[in-house]
Amino acid sequence: MTTLITLSFFNALIIGVIFAHLALTTPAIFRALDPDSVSKLLRIIFPRYYLLLISLSLPPLLVLFFQDTSLHWWLGVNITFHSALGLLAIPLTNAAKDRGWDKVFSFTHGLSVYCTVVILLLSSIQFFTYIS
């Protein structure tokens, strides 16, 4: 029972972080700041965002590794992997933006969006599986 509560709690936190970031933080930043300030602020926020997602995905991954041999362990691996991939893509995204490499920037930004969507979907699957 404690395992289910722990897993549900961390997946709910991951879902909450993503929704807060997408619905509250990012739109407010784009409305309130000029493009240069937006760029500077997002370069500070995004590494912390992905580090937070990694840190929230590790406890469930460890619990699943030691207590679960099913599909849920692979979901946990994928959540952590996509969080790390999003973090690793940030320097390339920033470099592409700085150098005016629009295609590379578009690809890496799309990769970041893809990672966020995958993390949200997999965390939602795990959350709703555990609460049912």
C-alpha atoms as a PDB file:
ATOM      1  CA  MET A   1       0.000   0.000   0.000  1.00  0.00           C
ATOM      2  CA  THR A   2       2.809   2.432   0.848  1.00  0.00           C
ATOM      3  CA  THR A   3       4.431   1.672  -2.507  1.00  0.00           C
ATOM      4  CA  LEU A   4       1.256   2.604  -4.381  1.00  0.00           C
ATOM      5  CA  ILE A   5       0.929   5.847  -2.441  1.00  0.00           C
ATOM      6  CA  THR A   6       4.567   6.722  -3.120  1.00  0.00           C
ATOM      7  CA  LEU A   7       4.283   5.973  -6.824  1.00  0.00           C
ATOM      8  CA  SER A   8       0.996   7.868  -7.145  1.00  0.00           C
ATOM      9  CA  PHE A   9       2.418  10.845  -5.237  1.00  0.00           C
ATOM     10  CA  PHE A  10       5.554  11.207  -7.380  1.00  0.00           C
ATOM     11  CA  ASN A  11       3.654  10.754 -10.636  1.00  0.00           C
ATOM     12  CA  ALA A  12       1.120  13.364  -9.502  1.00  0.00           C
ATOM     13  CA  LEU A  13       4.005  15.723  -8.724  1.00  0.00           C
ATOM     14  CA  ILE A  14       5.487  15.194 -12.194  1.00  0.00           C
ATOM     15  CA  ILE A  15       2.090  15.868 -13.807  1.00  0.00           C
ATOM     16  CA  GLY A  16       1.658  18.968 -11.635  1.00  0.00           C
ATOM     17  CA  VAL A  17       5.105  20.334 -12.501  1.00  0.00           C
ATOM     18  CA  ILE A  18       4.442  19.922 -16.225  1.00  0.00           C
ATOM     19  CA  PHE A  19       0.990  21.517 -16.054  1.00  0.00           C
ATOM     20  CA  ALA A  20       2.280  24.404 -13.934  1.00  0.00           C
ATOM     21  CA  HIS A  21       5.116  24.960 -16.375  1.00  0.00           C
ATOM     22  CA  LEU A  22       2.908  24.776 -19.475  1.00  0.00           C
ATOM     23  CA  ALA A  23      -0.165  26.560 -18.180  1.00  0.00           C
ATOM     24  CA  LEU A  24       1.234  29.126 -15.766  1.00  0.00           C
ATOM     25  CA  THR A  25       4.911  29.876 -16.114  1.00  0.00           C
ATOM     26  CA  THR A  26       5.648  29.839 -19.831  1.00  0.00           C
ATOM     27  CA  PRO A  27       2.614  31.850 -21.048  1.00  0.00           C
ATOM     28  CA  ALA A  28       3.143  34.469 -18.328  1.00  0.00           C
ATOM     29  CA  ILE A  29       6.807  34.844 -19.239  1.00  0.00           C
ATOM     30  CA  PHE A  30       6.022  35.373 -22.926  1.00  0.00           C
ATOM     31  CA  ARG A  31       3.317  37.942 -22.106  1.00  0.00           C
ATOM     32  CA  ALA A  32       5.275  39.919 -19.531  1.00  0.00           C
ATOM     33  CA  LEU A  33       8.809  40.110 -20.923  1.00  0.00           C
ATOM     34  CA  ASP A  34      10.573  41.267 -24.054  1.00  0.00           C
ATOM     35  CA  PRO A  35      12.185  38.589 -26.283  1.00  0.00           C
ATOM     36  CA  ASP A  36      15.709  39.061 -24.889  1.00  0.00           C
ATOM     37  CA  SER A  37      14.511  38.759 -21.305  1.00  0.00           C
ATOM     38  CA  VAL A  38      12.377  35.730 -22.225  1.00  0.00           C
ATOM     39  CA  SER A  39      15.423  34.014 -23.682  1.00  0.00           C
ATOM     40  CA  LYS A  40      17.553  34.733 -20.610  1.00  0.00           C
ATOM     41  CA  LEU A  41      14.873  33.578 -18.184  1.00  0.00           C
ATOM     42  CA  LEU A  42      14.029  30.391 -20.095  1.00  0.00           C
ATOM     43  CA  ARG A  43      17.722  29.475 -20.213  1.00  0.00           C
ATOM     44  CA  ILE A  44      17.651  29.580 -16.418  1.00  0.00           C
ATOM     45  CA  ILE A  45      14.303  27.809 -15.981  1.00  0.00           C
ATOM     46  CA  PHE A  46      14.564  24.914 -18.436  1.00  0.00           C
ATOM     47  CA  PRO A  47      17.631  23.168 -16.959  1.00  0.00           C
ATOM     48  CA  ARG A  48      16.014  23.375 -13.528  1.00  0.00           C
ATOM     49  CA  TYR A  49      12.717  22.133 -14.964  1.00  0.00           C
ATOM     50  CA  TYR A  50      14.310  19.002 -16.402  1.00  0.00           C
ATOM     51  CA  LEU A  51      16.459  18.458 -13.304  1.00  0.00           C
ATOM     52  CA  LEU A  52      13.293  18.615 -11.217  1.00  0.00           C
ATOM     53  CA  LEU A  53      11.600  16.083 -13.499  1.00  0.00           C
ATOM     54  CA  ILE A  54      14.629  13.788 -13.233  1.00  0.00           C
ATOM     55  CA  SER A  55      14.706  14.092  -9.454  1.00  0.00           C
ATOM     56  CA  LEU A  56      10.978  13.368  -9.229  1.00  0.00           C
ATOM     57  CA  SER A  57      11.256  10.374 -11.562  1.00  0.00           C
ATOM     58  CA  LEU A  58      14.118   8.642  -9.732  1.00  0.00           C
ATOM     59  CA  PRO A  59      12.319   7.578  -6.506  1.00  0.00           C
ATOM     60  CA  PRO A  60       9.504   5.793  -8.406  1.00  0.00           C
ATOM     61  CA  LEU A  61      12.088   4.233 -10.711  1.00  0.00           C
ATOM     62  CA  LEU A  62      13.975   2.822  -7.729  1.00  0.00           C
ATOM     63  CA  VAL A  63      10.774   1.557  -6.116  1.00  0.00           C
ATOM     64  CA  LEU A  64       9.690  -0.074  -9.363  1.00  0.00           C
ATOM     65  CA  PHE A  65      13.117  -1.592  -9.938  1.00  0.00           C
ATOM     66  CA  PHE A  66      13.103  -3.373  -6.597  1.00  0.00           C
ATOM     67  CA  GLN A  67       9.402  -4.198  -6.280  1.00  0.00           C
ATOM     68  CA  ASP A  68       7.859  -4.462  -9.735  1.00  0.00           C
ATOM     69  CA  THR A  69       8.843  -6.574 -12.716  1.00  0.00           C
ATOM     70  CA  SER A  70       6.065  -5.474 -15.049  1.00  0.00           C
ATOM     71  CA  LEU A  71       5.538  -2.801 -17.646  1.00  0.00           C
ATOM     72  CA  HIS A  72       5.539  -0.093 -14.973  1.00  0.00           C
ATOM     73  CA  TRP A  73       9.282  -0.415 -14.513  1.00  0.00           C
ATOM     74  CA  TRP A  74       9.774   0.315 -18.214  1.00  0.00           C
ATOM     75  CA  LEU A  75       7.459   3.309 -17.951  1.00  0.00           C
ATOM     76  CA  GLY A  76       9.633   4.604 -15.101  1.00  0.00           C
ATOM     77  CA  VAL A  77      12.780   4.086 -17.174  1.00  0.00           C
ATOM     78  CA  ASN A  78      11.233   5.993 -20.068  1.00  0.00           C
ATOM     79  CA  ILE A  79      10.132   8.884 -17.867  1.00  0.00           C
ATOM     80  CA  THR A  80      13.644   9.253 -16.462  1.00  0.00           C
ATOM     81  CA  PHE A  81      15.230   8.798 -19.909  1.00  0.00           C
ATOM     82  CA  HIS A  82      13.049  11.462 -21.533  1.00  0.00           C
ATOM     83  CA  SER A  83      13.741  13.852 -18.648  1.00  0.00           C
ATOM     84  CA  ALA A  84      17.484  13.362 -19.150  1.00  0.00           C
ATOM     85  CA  LEU A  85      17.140  13.683 -22.933  1.00  0.00           C
ATOM     86  CA  GLY A  86      15.313  16.990 -22.520  1.00  0.00           C
ATOM     87  CA  LEU A  87      18.076  18.221 -20.216  1.00  0.00           C
ATOM     88  CA  LEU A  88      20.818  17.134 -22.612  1.00  0.00           C
ATOM     89  CA  ALA A  89      19.122  18.868 -25.555  1.00  0.00           C
ATOM     90  CA  ILE A  90      19.188  22.287 -23.858  1.00  0.00           C
ATOM     91  CA  PRO A  91      22.799  23.266 -24.718  1.00  0.00           C
ATOM     92  CA  LEU A  92      22.272  22.345 -28.367  1.00  0.00           C
ATOM     93  CA  THR A  93      18.985  24.248 -28.450  1.00  0.00           C
ATOM     94  CA  ASN A  94      20.651  27.331 -26.975  1.00  0.00           C
ATOM     95  CA  ALA A  95      23.606  27.117 -29.358  1.00  0.00           C
ATOM     96  CA  ALA A  96      21.311  26.729 -32.361  1.00  0.00           C
ATOM     97  CA  LYS A  97      19.268  29.772 -31.285  1.00  0.00           C
ATOM     98  CA  ASP A  98      22.413  31.856 -30.751  1.00  0.00           C
ATOM     99  CA  ARG A  99      23.886  30.935 -34.145  1.00  0.00           C
ATOM    100  CA  GLY A 100      20.657  31.329 -36.091  1.00  0.00           C
ATOM    101  CA  TRP A 101      20.467  27.663 -37.044  1.00  0.00           C
ATOM    102  CA  ASP A 102      16.712  27.675 -37.443  1.00  0.00           C
ATOM    103  CA  LYS A 103      16.323  24.043 -38.549  1.00  0.00           C
ATOM    104  CA  VAL A 104      18.478  22.720 -35.710  1.00  0.00           C
ATOM    105  CA  PHE A 105      16.681  24.957 -33.225  1.00  0.00           C
ATOM    106  CA  SER A 106      13.306  23.809 -34.535  1.00  0.00           C
ATOM    107  CA  PHE A 107      14.354  20.160 -34.210  1.00  0.00           C
ATOM    108  CA  THR A 108      15.797  20.486 -30.697  1.00  0.00           C
ATOM    109  CA  HIS A 109      12.869  22.581 -29.500  1.00  0.00           C
ATOM    110  CA  GLY A 110      10.537  19.951 -30.953  1.00  0.00           C
ATOM    111  CA  LEU A 111      12.549  17.287 -29.134  1.00  0.00           C
ATOM    112  CA  SER A 112      12.030  19.171 -25.879  1.00  0.00           C
ATOM    113  CA  VAL A 113       8.285  19.395 -26.504  1.00  0.00           C
ATOM    114  CA  TYR A 114       8.202  15.700 -27.433  1.00  0.00           C
ATOM    115  CA  CYS A 115      10.028  14.773 -24.208  1.00  0.00           C
ATOM    116  CA  THR A 116       7.595  16.809 -22.121  1.00  0.00           C
ATOM    117  CA  VAL A 117       4.559  15.217 -23.795  1.00  0.00           C
ATOM    118  CA  VAL A 118       5.970  11.695 -23.353  1.00  0.00           C
ATOM    119  CA  ILE A 119       6.774  12.347 -19.682  1.00  0.00           C
ATOM    120  CA  LEU A 120       3.262  13.715 -19.125  1.00  0.00           C
ATOM    121  CA  LEU A 121       1.581  10.766 -20.858  1.00  0.00           C
ATOM    122  CA  LEU A 122       3.658   8.077 -19.158  1.00  0.00           C
ATOM    123  CA  SER A 123       3.293   9.685 -15.726  1.00  0.00           C
ATOM    124  CA  SER A 124      -0.462   9.934 -16.284  1.00  0.00           C
ATOM    125  CA  ILE A 125      -0.631   6.260 -17.263  1.00  0.00           C
ATOM    126  CA  GLN A 126       1.264   5.285 -14.135  1.00  0.00           C
ATOM    127  CA  PHE A 127      -0.769   7.586 -11.905  1.00  0.00           C
ATOM    128  CA  PHE A 128      -4.149   6.374 -13.111  1.00  0.00           C
ATOM    129  CA  THR A 129      -3.006   2.759 -13.030  1.00  0.00           C
ATOM    130  CA  TYR A 130      -1.988   3.065  -9.387  1.00  0.00           C
ATOM    131  CA  ILE A 131      -5.054   4.932  -8.137  1.00  0.00           C
ATOM    132  CA  SER A 132      -7.475   2.483  -9.746  1.00  0.00           C
END
